[in-house]
Amino acid sequence: MNTEQERRQFRKRLVDLSNVELMRWLFLVNLTVKVETELLAFHALFDSEATLEPAPDTSQLAGIQLLIASEMKKRSNASAKAKRKLLPIEGEEHNYANHAQANGN
């Protein structure tokens, strides 16, 4: 996912996933990042010439994590907005108008 077009295509695939599938992918990517981190630590302990610079795959995993997390946040925000929209109950419009007039609005 080095180019903008690859990221765009990946985002399109994320949109098509269900919430359960999206959570599974996030779990797997997070697990992969943990494994990569442990491998880097292992190499640093036992290989005197090892450097702690992340491998190219590690940076790609971080990008995938961010894309999945942003998709989940977008869905969560959309869900929260839908829940906040209240349907007016019959006769309440009048009460809102009276309340607005009483408060000087």
N, C-alpha and C. Protein backbone atom coordinates (compact mmCIF):
# COMPACT_ATOMS: atom_id res chain seq x y z
N MET A 1 0.83 -1.19 0.00
CA MET A 1 0.00 0.00 0.00
C MET A 1 0.87 1.25 0.00
N ASN A 2 1.68 1.33 -1.00
CA ASN A 2 2.60 2.45 -1.08
C ASN A 2 2.04 3.62 -1.87
N THR A 3 1.06 3.38 -2.70
CA THR A 3 0.53 4.46 -3.52
C THR A 3 -0.86 4.86 -3.04
N GLU A 4 -1.24 6.04 -3.43
CA GLU A 4 -2.57 6.55 -3.07
C GLU A 4 -3.67 5.68 -3.66
N GLN A 5 -3.45 5.18 -4.86
CA GLN A 5 -4.45 4.34 -5.52
C GLN A 5 -4.64 3.03 -4.75
N GLU A 6 -3.57 2.44 -4.26
CA GLU A 6 -3.68 1.21 -3.47
C GLU A 6 -4.45 1.46 -2.19
N ARG A 7 -4.18 2.61 -1.54
CA ARG A 7 -4.92 2.95 -0.30
C ARG A 7 -6.39 3.16 -0.59
N ARG A 8 -6.70 3.83 -1.71
CA ARG A 8 -8.09 4.07 -2.10
C ARG A 8 -8.82 2.75 -2.33
N GLN A 9 -8.17 1.82 -3.01
CA GLN A 9 -8.77 0.51 -3.26
C GLN A 9 -9.00 -0.25 -1.96
N PHE A 10 -8.05 -0.15 -1.05
CA PHE A 10 -8.20 -0.82 0.24
C PHE A 10 -9.37 -0.24 1.03
N ARG A 11 -9.49 1.09 1.00
CA ARG A 11 -10.62 1.74 1.69
C ARG A 11 -11.96 1.27 1.12
N LYS A 12 -12.03 1.12 -0.21
CA LYS A 12 -13.26 0.63 -0.84
C LYS A 12 -13.60 -0.77 -0.35
N ARG A 13 -12.57 -1.61 -0.20
CA ARG A 13 -12.81 -2.97 0.30
C ARG A 13 -13.27 -2.94 1.74
N LEU A 14 -12.75 -2.02 2.53
CA LEU A 14 -13.16 -1.92 3.94
C LEU A 14 -14.64 -1.56 4.06
N VAL A 15 -15.10 -0.68 3.20
CA VAL A 15 -16.49 -0.24 3.24
C VAL A 15 -17.43 -1.42 3.00
N ASP A 16 -17.01 -2.36 2.18
CA ASP A 16 -17.85 -3.51 1.85
C ASP A 16 -17.90 -4.56 2.97
N LEU A 17 -16.99 -4.48 3.93
CA LEU A 17 -16.97 -5.46 5.01
C LEU A 17 -18.09 -5.19 6.01
N SER A 18 -18.61 -6.25 6.59
CA SER A 18 -19.59 -6.07 7.68
C SER A 18 -18.83 -5.64 8.93
N ASN A 19 -19.57 -5.20 9.94
CA ASN A 19 -18.93 -4.79 11.19
C ASN A 19 -18.16 -5.93 11.84
N VAL A 20 -18.72 -7.14 11.77
CA VAL A 20 -18.04 -8.31 12.36
C VAL A 20 -16.75 -8.59 11.61
N GLU A 21 -16.80 -8.56 10.28
CA GLU A 21 -15.60 -8.80 9.49
C GLU A 21 -14.54 -7.73 9.75
N LEU A 22 -14.99 -6.49 9.88
CA LEU A 22 -14.07 -5.39 10.15
C LEU A 22 -13.38 -5.58 11.50
N MET A 23 -14.12 -6.01 12.49
CA MET A 23 -13.53 -6.27 13.81
C MET A 23 -12.54 -7.43 13.74
N ARG A 24 -12.86 -8.46 12.98
CA ARG A 24 -11.93 -9.60 12.82
C ARG A 24 -10.62 -9.13 12.19
N TRP A 25 -10.73 -8.33 11.13
CA TRP A 25 -9.53 -7.85 10.47
C TRP A 25 -8.70 -6.98 11.40
N LEU A 26 -9.36 -6.12 12.17
CA LEU A 26 -8.64 -5.27 13.10
C LEU A 26 -7.93 -6.13 14.15
N PHE A 27 -8.60 -7.15 14.65
CA PHE A 27 -7.98 -8.05 15.63
C PHE A 27 -6.75 -8.73 15.02
N LEU A 28 -6.89 -9.26 13.80
CA LEU A 28 -5.77 -9.95 13.15
C LEU A 28 -4.60 -9.02 12.86
N VAL A 29 -4.89 -7.82 12.42
CA VAL A 29 -3.82 -6.86 12.14
C VAL A 29 -3.12 -6.47 13.44
N ASN A 30 -3.89 -6.22 14.50
CA ASN A 30 -3.28 -5.89 15.80
C ASN A 30 -2.41 -7.03 16.30
N LEU A 31 -2.88 -8.25 16.14
CA LEU A 31 -2.10 -9.42 16.54
C LEU A 31 -0.81 -9.53 15.73
N THR A 32 -0.90 -9.27 14.44
CA THR A 32 0.28 -9.31 13.58
C THR A 32 1.30 -8.26 14.00
N VAL A 33 0.82 -7.07 14.34
CA VAL A 33 1.73 -6.00 14.80
C VAL A 33 2.43 -6.44 16.08
N LYS A 34 1.71 -7.06 16.99
CA LYS A 34 2.33 -7.53 18.24
C LYS A 34 3.39 -8.58 17.96
N VAL A 35 3.11 -9.50 17.05
CA VAL A 35 4.09 -10.53 16.69
C VAL A 35 5.33 -9.88 16.08
N GLU A 36 5.14 -8.95 15.16
CA GLU A 36 6.28 -8.26 14.54
C GLU A 36 7.12 -7.53 15.59
N THR A 37 6.46 -6.89 16.54
CA THR A 37 7.17 -6.18 17.59
C THR A 37 7.98 -7.14 18.45
N GLU A 38 7.39 -8.27 18.80
CA GLU A 38 8.11 -9.28 19.59
C GLU A 38 9.29 -9.85 18.83
N LEU A 39 9.14 -10.07 17.52
CA LEU A 39 10.25 -10.56 16.72
C LEU A 39 11.40 -9.55 16.66
N LEU A 40 11.06 -8.27 16.53
CA LEU A 40 12.10 -7.24 16.54
C LEU A 40 12.83 -7.23 17.88
N ALA A 41 12.08 -7.35 18.97
CA ALA A 41 12.71 -7.38 20.29
C ALA A 41 13.59 -8.61 20.45
N PHE A 42 13.12 -9.74 19.97
CA PHE A 42 13.90 -10.98 20.03
C PHE A 42 15.22 -10.83 19.28
N HIS A 43 15.13 -10.29 18.06
CA HIS A 43 16.35 -10.09 17.28
C HIS A 43 17.29 -9.10 17.96
N ALA A 44 16.75 -8.07 18.55
CA ALA A 44 17.59 -7.08 19.24
C ALA A 44 18.31 -7.70 20.43
N LEU A 45 17.67 -8.63 21.11
CA LEU A 45 18.30 -9.27 22.27
C LEU A 45 19.41 -10.23 21.88
N PHE A 46 19.21 -10.97 20.81
CA PHE A 46 20.14 -12.06 20.49
C PHE A 46 21.03 -11.80 19.29
N ASP A 47 20.81 -10.74 18.57
CA ASP A 47 21.66 -10.41 17.43
C ASP A 47 22.32 -9.07 17.72
N SER A 48 23.62 -9.11 17.97
CA SER A 48 24.33 -7.89 18.37
C SER A 48 24.37 -6.83 17.27
N GLU A 49 24.20 -7.25 16.03
CA GLU A 49 24.26 -6.31 14.91
C GLU A 49 22.88 -5.84 14.46
N ALA A 50 21.84 -6.22 15.16
CA ALA A 50 20.48 -5.85 14.76
C ALA A 50 20.20 -4.38 15.09
N THR A 51 19.43 -3.76 14.24
CA THR A 51 18.98 -2.39 14.51
C THR A 51 17.50 -2.43 14.84
N LEU A 52 17.02 -1.44 15.53
CA LEU A 52 15.63 -1.40 15.95
C LEU A 52 14.74 -0.63 14.99
N GLU A 53 15.22 -0.40 13.80
CA GLU A 53 14.38 0.26 12.81
C GLU A 53 13.30 -0.71 12.35
N PRO A 54 12.06 -0.24 12.26
CA PRO A 54 11.00 -1.16 11.84
C PRO A 54 11.17 -1.61 10.39
N ALA A 55 10.79 -2.83 10.16
CA ALA A 55 10.84 -3.36 8.81
C ALA A 55 9.77 -2.68 7.96
N PRO A 56 9.90 -2.69 6.64
CA PRO A 56 8.89 -2.06 5.78
C PRO A 56 7.48 -2.61 6.02
N ASP A 57 7.37 -3.91 6.29
CA ASP A 57 6.06 -4.50 6.53
C ASP A 57 5.42 -3.92 7.79
N THR A 58 6.22 -3.59 8.79
CA THR A 58 5.69 -3.04 10.03
C THR A 58 5.02 -1.69 9.78
N SER A 59 5.63 -0.86 8.96
CA SER A 59 5.02 0.43 8.67
C SER A 59 3.74 0.26 7.86
N GLN A 60 3.70 -0.75 6.99
CA GLN A 60 2.48 -1.01 6.25
C GLN A 60 1.38 -1.51 7.17
N LEU A 61 1.75 -2.32 8.15
CA LEU A 61 0.75 -2.79 9.11
C LEU A 61 0.16 -1.63 9.90
N ALA A 62 1.01 -0.68 10.26
CA ALA A 62 0.51 0.49 10.98
C ALA A 62 -0.49 1.27 10.12
N GLY A 63 -0.20 1.38 8.84
CA GLY A 63 -1.13 2.06 7.93
C GLY A 63 -2.45 1.32 7.81
N ILE A 64 -2.38 0.00 7.74
CA ILE A 64 -3.61 -0.80 7.68
C ILE A 64 -4.41 -0.63 8.96
N GLN A 65 -3.72 -0.62 10.10
CA GLN A 65 -4.41 -0.40 11.37
C GLN A 65 -5.15 0.92 11.36
N LEU A 66 -4.50 1.96 10.90
CA LEU A 66 -5.13 3.28 10.87
C LEU A 66 -6.34 3.32 9.95
N LEU A 67 -6.23 2.69 8.79
CA LEU A 67 -7.36 2.67 7.85
C LEU A 67 -8.55 1.93 8.44
N ILE A 68 -8.30 0.78 9.05
CA ILE A 68 -9.40 0.02 9.64
C ILE A 68 -10.01 0.78 10.81
N ALA A 69 -9.16 1.37 11.66
CA ALA A 69 -9.66 2.14 12.80
C ALA A 69 -10.48 3.34 12.34
N SER A 70 -10.05 4.01 11.26
CA SER A 70 -10.81 5.16 10.78
C SER A 70 -12.16 4.73 10.22
N GLU A 71 -12.22 3.57 9.55
CA GLU A 71 -13.49 3.06 9.05
C GLU A 71 -14.42 2.72 10.20
N MET A 72 -13.88 2.12 11.26
CA MET A 72 -14.71 1.79 12.42
C MET A 72 -15.23 3.06 13.09
N LYS A 73 -14.37 4.07 13.20
CA LYS A 73 -14.79 5.34 13.81
C LYS A 73 -15.88 6.00 12.97
N LYS A 74 -15.72 5.96 11.65
CA LYS A 74 -16.72 6.56 10.76
C LYS A 74 -18.07 5.86 10.95
N ARG A 75 -18.04 4.54 11.03
CA ARG A 75 -19.29 3.79 11.24
C ARG A 75 -19.88 4.07 12.61
N SER A 76 -19.03 4.18 13.60
CA SER A 76 -19.51 4.47 14.95
C SER A 76 -20.16 5.85 15.03
N ASN A 77 -19.52 6.83 14.39
CA ASN A 77 -20.09 8.18 14.37
C ASN A 77 -21.42 8.21 13.63
N ALA A 78 -21.52 7.50 12.53
CA ALA A 78 -22.77 7.46 11.77
C ALA A 78 -23.87 6.80 12.61
N SER A 79 -23.50 5.76 13.33
CA SER A 79 -24.47 5.07 14.18
C SER A 79 -24.94 5.98 15.32
N ALA A 80 -24.00 6.72 15.92
CA ALA A 80 -24.34 7.62 17.01
C ALA A 80 -25.25 8.75 16.52
N LYS A 81 -24.98 9.28 15.33
CA LYS A 81 -25.83 10.34 14.77
C LYS A 81 -27.23 9.82 14.51
N ALA A 82 -27.33 8.60 14.03
CA ALA A 82 -28.65 8.02 13.76
C ALA A 82 -29.43 7.84 15.06
N LYS A 83 -28.76 7.49 16.13
CA LYS A 83 -29.43 7.30 17.40
C LYS A 83 -29.87 8.62 18.01
N ARG A 84 -29.10 9.70 17.72
CA ARG A 84 -29.44 11.01 18.29
C ARG A 84 -30.66 11.65 17.65
N LYS A 85 -30.95 11.26 16.42
CA LYS A 85 -32.11 11.84 15.75
C LYS A 85 -33.37 11.29 16.41
N LEU A 86 -34.11 12.17 17.04
CA LEU A 86 -35.33 11.76 17.72
C LEU A 86 -36.53 12.08 16.84
N LEU A 87 -37.41 11.16 16.75
CA LEU A 87 -38.64 11.41 16.02
C LEU A 87 -39.60 12.15 16.94
N PRO A 88 -40.21 13.22 16.46
CA PRO A 88 -41.15 13.96 17.31
C PRO A 88 -42.41 13.15 17.58
N ILE A 89 -42.87 13.23 18.79
CA ILE A 89 -44.10 12.56 19.18
C ILE A 89 -45.23 13.54 18.92
N GLU A 90 -46.36 13.00 18.52
CA GLU A 90 -47.50 13.85 18.17
C GLU A 90 -47.82 14.79 19.33
N GLY A 91 -47.93 16.07 19.01
CA GLY A 91 -48.26 17.07 20.01
C GLY A 91 -47.04 17.72 20.65
N GLU A 92 -45.85 17.19 20.46
CA GLU A 92 -44.65 17.75 21.07
C GLU A 92 -44.18 19.02 20.38
N GLU A 93 -44.50 19.20 19.10
CA GLU A 93 -44.05 20.39 18.39
C GLU A 93 -44.55 21.64 19.12
N HIS A 94 -45.77 21.60 19.60
CA HIS A 94 -46.34 22.73 20.32
C HIS A 94 -45.56 23.00 21.61
N ASN A 95 -45.19 21.94 22.30
CA ASN A 95 -44.42 22.11 23.53
C ASN A 95 -43.06 22.73 23.26
N TYR A 96 -42.41 22.35 22.17
CA TYR A 96 -41.12 22.93 21.82
C TYR A 96 -41.28 24.42 21.53
N ALA A 97 -42.34 24.80 20.82
CA ALA A 97 -42.57 26.20 20.51
C ALA A 97 -42.81 27.00 21.77
N ASN A 98 -43.61 26.48 22.70
CA ASN A 98 -43.86 27.17 23.96
C ASN A 98 -42.58 27.31 24.78
N HIS A 99 -41.76 26.27 24.78
CA HIS A 99 -40.52 26.30 25.53
C HIS A 99 -39.56 27.35 24.94
N ALA A 100 -39.51 27.44 23.62
CA ALA A 100 -38.66 28.42 22.96
C ALA A 100 -39.11 29.83 23.26
N GLN A 101 -40.44 30.07 23.27
CA GLN A 101 -40.96 31.40 23.57
C GLN A 101 -40.71 31.76 25.02
N ALA A 102 -40.81 30.81 25.92
CA ALA A 102 -40.59 31.07 27.34
C ALA A 102 -39.14 31.41 27.61
N ASN A 103 -38.24 30.88 26.84
CA ASN A 103 -36.81 31.14 27.04
C ASN A 103 -36.31 32.30 26.21
N GLY A 104 -37.20 32.99 25.51
CA GLY A 104 -36.82 34.15 24.73
C GLY A 104 -36.19 33.83 23.40
N ASN A 105 -36.37 32.63 22.88
CA ASN A 105 -35.79 32.23 21.58
C ASN A 105 -36.78 32.42 20.48
